[in-house]
Amino acid sequence: MSVLYLTCDLDNVVFTFTAEEKSTWQFSRLSNFHRDNGKDCFVLRQASEGSTTRWVLENQTGQPSVFGTPKYSGHGPPFRGSPSPPRGMWTVWGCPFILSDTMPQRDAIPSPFTFEVPFAKMHFHEEGRLGYLDIEVFNVGIEDEHLDEILLTLRKVLVNLAQRPEMVLLLRTDARAAPMPSMRHVRKFLAFIQKEVGTECVLVGRGSAIVLVPSTFLGTAVLRLVQLVQRMLPAPYPQAIVASVEEADAFL
């Protein structure tokens, strides 16, 4: 019972909360990097006196704000001599969730597998609780339909890992031959990360290394674009830009 599992009823992604202080459970399925930067400090705690419910899920990042409440106003089973949050249905971010002290079980997607489009190849495999995603980008123009296909495959991987509470992901991208993408494709990628897999990146992302050698004008331009994207959309895990696959593996 020291770990509670909050599962979204829409896509089955799982948030974990670990008992910290008396009657307090802290969101724990995030990287140490993200936690140390003071991000996504979500806490299950007893509600303040006068509240319509006995428990709340509160975002304590900056100004505290409640974004989750249980369907039933009672307590869950005692834990360490104190009440615990009620199990069952919760409303979180306006969506239905289920809180349980039993770890959800979901099947892994078949792996290893390789998926390829003209401009990139993606290889995914698992080793125990670690998922490894290797992406190699080729010097081929990016077409909308091919970008959509590879983003869809990436989403399938991220969602499946996020549905399995013990899993995390390491990502290695070899962009040494990458072409300069259009701003339309950059915006599509940013929207994809923000709107479609941002939560999954927090839940499972634990590190990313990009192999990029800015020895040519094109390489320098791609590097500057990558750095711009990283500033615009900081990742919830450690990142590095390195000069070789070996350095990427060492970082990860």
C-alpha atoms as a PDB file:
ATOM      1  CA  MET A   1       0.000   0.000   0.000  1.00  0.00           C
ATOM      2  CA  SER A   2       3.042   2.296   0.122  1.00  0.00           C
ATOM      3  CA  VAL A   3       2.555   2.688  -3.657  1.00  0.00           C
ATOM      4  CA  LEU A   4      -0.776   3.672  -5.186  1.00  0.00           C
ATOM      5  CA  TYR A   5      -1.611   3.478  -8.893  1.00  0.00           C
ATOM      6  CA  LEU A   6      -3.760   6.122 -10.573  1.00  0.00           C
ATOM      7  CA  THR A   7      -4.891   4.854 -13.979  1.00  0.00           C
ATOM      8  CA  CYS A   8      -6.559   6.965 -16.642  1.00  0.00           C
ATOM      9  CA  ASP A   9      -9.828   5.328 -17.682  1.00  0.00           C
ATOM     10  CA  LEU A  10      -9.426   6.676 -21.241  1.00  0.00           C
ATOM     11  CA  ASP A  11      -6.016   5.338 -22.316  1.00  0.00           C
ATOM     12  CA  ASN A  12      -4.869   3.257 -19.291  1.00  0.00           C
ATOM     13  CA  VAL A  13      -1.666   5.218 -18.661  1.00  0.00           C
ATOM     14  CA  VAL A  14      -0.564   4.874 -15.041  1.00  0.00           C
ATOM     15  CA  PHE A  15       0.667   7.450 -12.534  1.00  0.00           C
ATOM     16  CA  THR A  16       2.303   6.103  -9.371  1.00  0.00           C
ATOM     17  CA  PHE A  17       2.230   7.722  -5.934  1.00  0.00           C
ATOM     18  CA  THR A  18       4.553   6.713  -3.110  1.00  0.00           C
ATOM     19  CA  ALA A  19       3.824   7.220   0.596  1.00  0.00           C
ATOM     20  CA  GLU A  20       5.974  10.021   1.991  1.00  0.00           C
ATOM     21  CA  GLU A  21       4.819  11.702   5.180  1.00  0.00           C
ATOM     22  CA  LYS A  22       1.786  10.860   7.287  1.00  0.00           C
ATOM     23  CA  SER A  23      -1.301  10.653   5.049  1.00  0.00           C
ATOM     24  CA  THR A  24       0.618  12.006   2.039  1.00  0.00           C
ATOM     25  CA  TRP A  25       1.447  10.260  -1.236  1.00  0.00           C
ATOM     26  CA  GLN A  26       3.842  11.898  -3.715  1.00  0.00           C
ATOM     27  CA  PHE A  27       3.782  11.463  -7.506  1.00  0.00           C
ATOM     28  CA  SER A  28       6.803   9.243  -8.114  1.00  0.00           C
ATOM     29  CA  ARG A  29       6.727   8.112 -11.725  1.00  0.00           C
ATOM     30  CA  LEU A  30       9.038  10.767 -13.124  1.00  0.00           C
ATOM     31  CA  SER A  31      12.757  11.173 -13.649  1.00  0.00           C
ATOM     32  CA  ASN A  32      14.996  12.447 -10.854  1.00  0.00           C
ATOM     33  CA  PHE A  33      15.963  15.220 -13.285  1.00  0.00           C
ATOM     34  CA  HIS A  34      12.357  16.393 -13.553  1.00  0.00           C
ATOM     35  CA  ARG A  35      11.758  16.106  -9.810  1.00  0.00           C
ATOM     36  CA  ASP A  36      14.958  17.960  -8.938  1.00  0.00           C
ATOM     37  CA  ASN A  37      13.846  20.804 -11.220  1.00  0.00           C
ATOM     38  CA  GLY A  38      10.695  21.162  -9.129  1.00  0.00           C
ATOM     39  CA  LYS A  39       8.326  19.992 -11.852  1.00  0.00           C
ATOM     40  CA  ASP A  40       5.015  18.129 -11.514  1.00  0.00           C
ATOM     41  CA  CYS A  41       4.941  18.059  -7.729  1.00  0.00           C
ATOM     42  CA  PHE A  42       1.612  16.219  -7.421  1.00  0.00           C
ATOM     43  CA  VAL A  43       0.457  15.155  -3.959  1.00  0.00           C
ATOM     44  CA  LEU A  44      -2.426  13.031  -2.700  1.00  0.00           C
ATOM     45  CA  ARG A  45      -3.346  14.481   0.685  1.00  0.00           C
ATOM     46  CA  GLN A  46      -6.227  14.927   3.080  1.00  0.00           C
ATOM     47  CA  ALA A  47      -8.376  17.914   2.208  1.00  0.00           C
ATOM     48  CA  SER A  48      -8.485  21.068   4.296  1.00  0.00           C
ATOM     49  CA  GLU A  49     -11.240  21.502   6.860  1.00  0.00           C
ATOM     50  CA  GLY A  50     -14.499  22.611   5.272  1.00  0.00           C
ATOM     51  CA  SER A  51     -13.816  20.873   1.950  1.00  0.00           C
ATOM     52  CA  THR A  52     -16.596  18.869   0.324  1.00  0.00           C
ATOM     53  CA  THR A  53     -14.270  15.842   0.111  1.00  0.00           C
ATOM     54  CA  ARG A  54     -11.804  14.283   2.526  1.00  0.00           C
ATOM     55  CA  TRP A  55      -9.028  13.806  -0.035  1.00  0.00           C
ATOM     56  CA  VAL A  56      -7.631  15.789  -2.958  1.00  0.00           C
ATOM     57  CA  LEU A  57      -4.937  15.508  -5.588  1.00  0.00           C
ATOM     58  CA  GLU A  58      -3.016  18.759  -5.495  1.00  0.00           C
ATOM     59  CA  ASN A  59      -0.399  20.292  -7.761  1.00  0.00           C
ATOM     60  CA  GLN A  60       2.140  21.838  -5.396  1.00  0.00           C
ATOM     61  CA  THR A  61       4.340  23.162  -8.188  1.00  0.00           C
ATOM     62  CA  GLY A  62       4.254  26.878  -7.449  1.00  0.00           C
ATOM     63  CA  GLN A  63       0.880  28.055  -6.177  1.00  0.00           C
ATOM     64  CA  PRO A  64      -0.958  24.923  -4.898  1.00  0.00           C
ATOM     65  CA  SER A  65      -4.065  23.980  -6.873  1.00  0.00           C
ATOM     66  CA  VAL A  66      -6.407  21.011  -6.638  1.00  0.00           C
ATOM     67  CA  PHE A  67      -6.915  19.109  -9.898  1.00  0.00           C
ATOM     68  CA  GLY A  68      -8.266  15.776  -8.672  1.00  0.00           C
ATOM     69  CA  THR A  69     -11.003  14.583  -6.295  1.00  0.00           C
ATOM     70  CA  PRO A  70     -12.466  11.143  -5.475  1.00  0.00           C
ATOM     71  CA  LYS A  71     -15.967  10.064  -6.334  1.00  0.00           C
ATOM     72  CA  TYR A  72     -16.548   8.914  -2.762  1.00  0.00           C
ATOM     73  CA  SER A  73     -15.750  11.207   0.149  1.00  0.00           C
ATOM     74  CA  GLY A  74     -14.623   8.553   2.657  1.00  0.00           C
ATOM     75  CA  HIS A  75     -11.189   7.178   3.535  1.00  0.00           C
ATOM     76  CA  GLY A  76      -9.349   4.186   2.153  1.00  0.00           C
ATOM     77  CA  PRO A  77      -7.928   1.425   4.373  1.00  0.00           C
ATOM     78  CA  PRO A  78      -5.659   2.524   7.268  1.00  0.00           C
ATOM     79  CA  PHE A  79      -1.946   2.817   6.494  1.00  0.00           C
ATOM     80  CA  ARG A  80       0.692   3.251   9.211  1.00  0.00           C
ATOM     81  CA  GLY A  81      -2.056   4.028  11.676  1.00  0.00           C
ATOM     82  CA  SER A  82      -3.576   6.828   9.566  1.00  0.00           C
ATOM     83  CA  PRO A  83      -6.227   7.059   6.819  1.00  0.00           C
ATOM     84  CA  SER A  84      -5.305   6.597   3.184  1.00  0.00           C
ATOM     85  CA  PRO A  85      -6.953   7.921  -0.018  1.00  0.00           C
ATOM     86  CA  PRO A  86     -10.192   6.221  -1.102  1.00  0.00           C
ATOM     87  CA  ARG A  87      -9.764   3.615  -3.822  1.00  0.00           C
ATOM     88  CA  GLY A  88     -11.922   3.577  -6.905  1.00  0.00           C
ATOM     89  CA  MET A  89     -13.101   6.368  -9.171  1.00  0.00           C
ATOM     90  CA  TRP A  90     -11.475   9.805  -9.181  1.00  0.00           C
ATOM     91  CA  THR A  91     -11.878  12.793 -11.464  1.00  0.00           C
ATOM     92  CA  VAL A  92      -8.481  14.172 -12.469  1.00  0.00           C
ATOM     93  CA  TRP A  93      -8.030  16.994 -14.991  1.00  0.00           C
ATOM     94  CA  GLY A  94     -11.740  16.556 -15.707  1.00  0.00           C
ATOM     95  CA  CYS A  95     -11.222  12.922 -16.816  1.00  0.00           C
ATOM     96  CA  PRO A  96     -12.106   9.599 -15.171  1.00  0.00           C
ATOM     97  CA  PHE A  97      -9.318   7.806 -13.287  1.00  0.00           C
ATOM     98  CA  ILE A  98      -9.153   4.774 -10.993  1.00  0.00           C
ATOM     99  CA  LEU A  99      -6.987   4.691  -7.842  1.00  0.00           C
ATOM    100  CA  SER A 100      -5.807   1.265  -6.718  1.00  0.00           C
ATOM    101  CA  ASP A 101      -3.124  -0.332  -4.565  1.00  0.00           C
ATOM    102  CA  THR A 102      -2.801  -3.179  -7.079  1.00  0.00           C
ATOM    103  CA  MET A 103      -0.330  -2.696  -9.931  1.00  0.00           C
ATOM    104  CA  PRO A 104      -2.149  -2.712 -13.300  1.00  0.00           C
ATOM    105  CA  GLN A 105      -0.979  -5.359 -15.747  1.00  0.00           C
ATOM    106  CA  ARG A 106      -0.843  -4.711 -19.497  1.00  0.00           C
ATOM    107  CA  ASP A 107       0.707  -6.712 -22.325  1.00  0.00           C
ATOM    108  CA  ALA A 108       3.863  -5.377 -23.939  1.00  0.00           C
ATOM    109  CA  ILE A 109       3.820  -4.576 -27.628  1.00  0.00           C
ATOM    110  CA  PRO A 110       5.689  -7.249 -29.640  1.00  0.00           C
ATOM    111  CA  SER A 111       9.402  -6.463 -29.681  1.00  0.00           C
ATOM    112  CA  PRO A 112      12.040  -6.179 -30.892  1.00  0.00           C
ATOM    113  CA  PHE A 113      10.669  -4.485 -33.969  1.00  0.00           C
ATOM    114  CA  THR A 114      11.932  -2.136 -36.676  1.00  0.00           C
ATOM    115  CA  PHE A 115       9.809   0.442 -38.440  1.00  0.00           C
ATOM    116  CA  GLU A 116      11.125   2.359 -41.433  1.00  0.00           C
ATOM    117  CA  VAL A 117      10.000   5.227 -43.628  1.00  0.00           C
ATOM    118  CA  PRO A 118      12.136   6.837 -46.351  1.00  0.00           C
ATOM    119  CA  PHE A 119      13.650   9.488 -44.065  1.00  0.00           C
ATOM    120  CA  ALA A 120      14.123   7.463 -40.860  1.00  0.00           C
ATOM    121  CA  LYS A 121      14.369   4.028 -39.275  1.00  0.00           C
ATOM    122  CA  MET A 122      13.170   3.221 -35.758  1.00  0.00           C
ATOM    123  CA  HIS A 123      14.231   0.156 -33.769  1.00  0.00           C
ATOM    124  CA  PHE A 124      12.672  -0.714 -30.411  1.00  0.00           C
ATOM    125  CA  HIS A 125      13.482  -3.440 -27.911  1.00  0.00           C
ATOM    126  CA  GLU A 126      13.096  -4.107 -24.210  1.00  0.00           C
ATOM    127  CA  GLU A 127      15.498  -5.409 -21.588  1.00  0.00           C
ATOM    128  CA  GLY A 128      13.695  -6.029 -18.335  1.00  0.00           C
ATOM    129  CA  ARG A 129      12.137  -2.762 -17.207  1.00  0.00           C
ATOM    130  CA  LEU A 130      14.029  -0.703 -19.799  1.00  0.00           C
ATOM    131  CA  GLY A 131      12.737   0.147 -23.242  1.00  0.00           C
ATOM    132  CA  TYR A 132      15.342   1.244 -25.811  1.00  0.00           C
ATOM    133  CA  LEU A 133      14.368   3.267 -28.862  1.00  0.00           C
ATOM    134  CA  ASP A 134      16.977   3.892 -31.550  1.00  0.00           C
ATOM    135  CA  ILE A 135      16.136   6.288 -34.381  1.00  0.00           C
ATOM    136  CA  GLU A 136      18.363   6.849 -37.401  1.00  0.00           C
ATOM    137  CA  VAL A 137      17.562   9.794 -39.658  1.00  0.00           C
ATOM    138  CA  PHE A 138      18.564   9.659 -43.338  1.00  0.00           C
ATOM    139  CA  ASN A 139      19.402  12.445 -45.762  1.00  0.00           C
ATOM    140  CA  VAL A 140      16.021  12.219 -47.465  1.00  0.00           C
ATOM    141  CA  GLY A 141      13.320  14.855 -47.708  1.00  0.00           C
ATOM    142  CA  ILE A 142      10.537  14.501 -45.113  1.00  0.00           C
ATOM    143  CA  GLU A 143       7.035  13.948 -46.479  1.00  0.00           C
ATOM    144  CA  ASP A 144       3.959  14.663 -44.348  1.00  0.00           C
ATOM    145  CA  GLU A 145       2.580  11.130 -44.548  1.00  0.00           C
ATOM    146  CA  HIS A 146       5.907   9.566 -43.531  1.00  0.00           C
ATOM    147  CA  LEU A 147       6.281  11.918 -40.574  1.00  0.00           C
ATOM    148  CA  ASP A 148       2.739  11.026 -39.482  1.00  0.00           C
ATOM    149  CA  GLU A 149       3.553   7.317 -39.705  1.00  0.00           C
ATOM    150  CA  ILE A 150       6.668   7.501 -37.574  1.00  0.00           C
ATOM    151  CA  LEU A 151       5.012   9.754 -34.986  1.00  0.00           C
ATOM    152  CA  LEU A 152       2.108   7.308 -34.756  1.00  0.00           C
ATOM    153  CA  THR A 153       4.539   4.446 -34.135  1.00  0.00           C
ATOM    154  CA  LEU A 154       6.385   6.495 -31.530  1.00  0.00           C
ATOM    155  CA  ARG A 155       3.090   7.220 -29.794  1.00  0.00           C
ATOM    156  CA  LYS A 156       2.217   3.519 -29.678  1.00  0.00           C
ATOM    157  CA  VAL A 157       5.528   2.768 -27.964  1.00  0.00           C
ATOM    158  CA  LEU A 158       5.178   5.593 -25.435  1.00  0.00           C
ATOM    159  CA  VAL A 159       1.570   4.796 -24.560  1.00  0.00           C
ATOM    160  CA  ASN A 160       2.274   1.093 -24.105  1.00  0.00           C
ATOM    161  CA  LEU A 161       5.202   1.803 -21.790  1.00  0.00           C
ATOM    162  CA  ALA A 162       3.125   4.356 -19.870  1.00  0.00           C
ATOM    163  CA  GLN A 163       0.437   1.694 -19.331  1.00  0.00           C
ATOM    164  CA  ARG A 164       3.018  -0.523 -17.566  1.00  0.00           C
ATOM    165  CA  PRO A 165       4.044   1.119 -14.287  1.00  0.00           C
ATOM    166  CA  GLU A 166       7.523  -0.403 -14.007  1.00  0.00           C
ATOM    167  CA  MET A 167       8.693   0.550 -17.507  1.00  0.00           C
ATOM    168  CA  VAL A 168      10.925   3.459 -18.564  1.00  0.00           C
ATOM    169  CA  LEU A 169      12.456   4.532 -21.895  1.00  0.00           C
ATOM    170  CA  LEU A 170      15.887   5.574 -23.162  1.00  0.00           C
ATOM    171  CA  LEU A 171      16.063   7.245 -26.584  1.00  0.00           C
ATOM    172  CA  ARG A 172      19.025   7.478 -28.959  1.00  0.00           C
ATOM    173  CA  THR A 173      18.762   9.457 -32.204  1.00  0.00           C
ATOM    174  CA  ASP A 174      21.455   9.362 -34.884  1.00  0.00           C
ATOM    175  CA  ALA A 175      20.920  12.627 -36.765  1.00  0.00           C
ATOM    176  CA  ARG A 176      24.307  12.923 -38.450  1.00  0.00           C
ATOM    177  CA  ALA A 177      22.737  12.598 -41.916  1.00  0.00           C
ATOM    178  CA  ALA A 178      19.537  14.479 -41.072  1.00  0.00           C
ATOM    179  CA  PRO A 179      18.223  17.018 -43.590  1.00  0.00           C
ATOM    180  CA  MET A 180      17.000  20.433 -42.533  1.00  0.00           C
ATOM    181  CA  PRO A 181      13.277  19.993 -41.782  1.00  0.00           C
ATOM    182  CA  SER A 182      10.710  22.552 -42.772  1.00  0.00           C
ATOM    183  CA  MET A 183       9.223  24.736 -40.054  1.00  0.00           C
ATOM    184  CA  ARG A 184       5.876  23.104 -40.780  1.00  0.00           C
ATOM    185  CA  HIS A 185       7.313  19.765 -39.725  1.00  0.00           C
ATOM    186  CA  VAL A 186       9.012  21.300 -36.702  1.00  0.00           C
ATOM    187  CA  ARG A 187       5.679  22.763 -35.579  1.00  0.00           C
ATOM    188  CA  LYS A 188       3.964  19.415 -36.125  1.00  0.00           C
ATOM    189  CA  PHE A 189       6.596  17.679 -33.989  1.00  0.00           C
ATOM    190  CA  LEU A 190       6.277  20.263 -31.211  1.00  0.00           C
ATOM    191  CA  ALA A 191       2.480  19.936 -31.233  1.00  0.00           C
ATOM    192  CA  PHE A 192       2.810  16.151 -31.122  1.00  0.00           C
ATOM    193  CA  ILE A 193       5.039  16.268 -28.034  1.00  0.00           C
ATOM    194  CA  GLN A 194       2.939  18.874 -26.248  1.00  0.00           C
ATOM    195  CA  LYS A 195      -0.564  17.626 -27.023  1.00  0.00           C
ATOM    196  CA  GLU A 196      -0.283  13.902 -27.711  1.00  0.00           C
ATOM    197  CA  VAL A 197       2.580  12.384 -25.694  1.00  0.00           C
ATOM    198  CA  GLY A 198       3.649  15.008 -23.175  1.00  0.00           C
ATOM    199  CA  THR A 199       2.268  13.006 -20.246  1.00  0.00           C
ATOM    200  CA  GLU A 200       3.817   9.768 -21.499  1.00  0.00           C
ATOM    201  CA  CYS A 201       7.218  11.467 -21.839  1.00  0.00           C
ATOM    202  CA  VAL A 202       7.055  12.459 -18.167  1.00  0.00           C
ATOM    203  CA  LEU A 203       5.959   8.992 -17.044  1.00  0.00           C
ATOM    204  CA  VAL A 204       8.513   6.910 -18.956  1.00  0.00           C
ATOM    205  CA  GLY A 205      11.249   9.169 -20.385  1.00  0.00           C
ATOM    206  CA  ARG A 206      14.560   8.806 -18.527  1.00  0.00           C
ATOM    207  CA  GLY A 207      17.169  10.021 -21.009  1.00  0.00           C
ATOM    208  CA  SER A 208      17.812  11.090 -24.603  1.00  0.00           C
ATOM    209  CA  ALA A 209      21.031  11.353 -26.605  1.00  0.00           C
ATOM    210  CA  ILE A 210      21.242  12.872 -30.088  1.00  0.00           C
ATOM    211  CA  VAL A 211      24.258  12.065 -32.265  1.00  0.00           C
ATOM    212  CA  LEU A 212      25.047  15.139 -34.360  1.00  0.00           C
ATOM    213  CA  VAL A 213      28.334  16.372 -35.846  1.00  0.00           C
ATOM    214  CA  PRO A 214      28.153  20.024 -36.955  1.00  0.00           C
ATOM    215  CA  SER A 215      31.108  19.778 -39.360  1.00  0.00           C
ATOM    216  CA  THR A 216      29.236  21.270 -42.330  1.00  0.00           C
ATOM    217  CA  PHE A 217      26.959  24.255 -42.832  1.00  0.00           C
ATOM    218  CA  LEU A 218      23.954  21.917 -42.910  1.00  0.00           C
ATOM    219  CA  GLY A 219      25.097  20.102 -39.772  1.00  0.00           C
ATOM    220  CA  THR A 220      25.507  23.403 -37.949  1.00  0.00           C
ATOM    221  CA  ALA A 221      22.047  24.544 -39.057  1.00  0.00           C
ATOM    222  CA  VAL A 222      20.453  21.300 -37.852  1.00  0.00           C
ATOM    223  CA  LEU A 223      22.300  21.577 -34.533  1.00  0.00           C
ATOM    224  CA  ARG A 224      21.013  25.112 -33.979  1.00  0.00           C
ATOM    225  CA  LEU A 225      17.489  23.985 -34.793  1.00  0.00           C
ATOM    226  CA  VAL A 226      17.726  21.082 -32.332  1.00  0.00           C
ATOM    227  CA  GLN A 227      18.992  23.434 -29.633  1.00  0.00           C
ATOM    228  CA  LEU A 228      16.142  25.854 -30.381  1.00  0.00           C
ATOM    229  CA  VAL A 229      13.567  23.064 -30.044  1.00  0.00           C
ATOM    230  CA  GLN A 230      15.151  21.947 -26.765  1.00  0.00           C
ATOM    231  CA  ARG A 231      14.887  25.487 -25.392  1.00  0.00           C
ATOM    232  CA  MET A 232      11.298  25.882 -26.569  1.00  0.00           C
ATOM    233  CA  LEU A 233      10.230  22.526 -25.175  1.00  0.00           C
ATOM    234  CA  PRO A 234      12.522  21.368 -22.339  1.00  0.00           C
ATOM    235  CA  ALA A 235      12.421  17.608 -21.897  1.00  0.00           C
ATOM    236  CA  PRO A 236      11.404  16.071 -18.538  1.00  0.00           C
ATOM    237  CA  TYR A 237      14.589  13.956 -18.549  1.00  0.00           C
ATOM    238  CA  PRO A 238      18.340  14.474 -19.146  1.00  0.00           C
ATOM    239  CA  GLN A 239      19.426  15.201 -22.717  1.00  0.00           C
ATOM    240  CA  ALA A 240      22.756  15.332 -24.485  1.00  0.00           C
ATOM    241  CA  ILE A 241      24.046  16.140 -27.977  1.00  0.00           C
ATOM    242  CA  VAL A 242      27.120  14.032 -28.700  1.00  0.00           C
ATOM    243  CA  ALA A 243      29.443  13.291 -31.602  1.00  0.00           C
ATOM    244  CA  SER A 244      29.260   9.490 -31.758  1.00  0.00           C
ATOM    245  CA  VAL A 245      26.991   6.529 -31.061  1.00  0.00           C
ATOM    246  CA  GLU A 246      29.488   5.344 -28.444  1.00  0.00           C
ATOM    247  CA  GLU A 247      29.187   8.649 -26.568  1.00  0.00           C
ATOM    248  CA  ALA A 248      25.405   8.411 -26.771  1.00  0.00           C
ATOM    249  CA  ASP A 249      25.444   4.909 -25.266  1.00  0.00           C
ATOM    250  CA  ALA A 250      27.792   6.062 -22.511  1.00  0.00           C
ATOM    251  CA  PHE A 251      25.472   8.958 -21.644  1.00  0.00           C
ATOM    252  CA  LEU A 252      22.430   6.709 -21.509  1.00  0.00           C
END
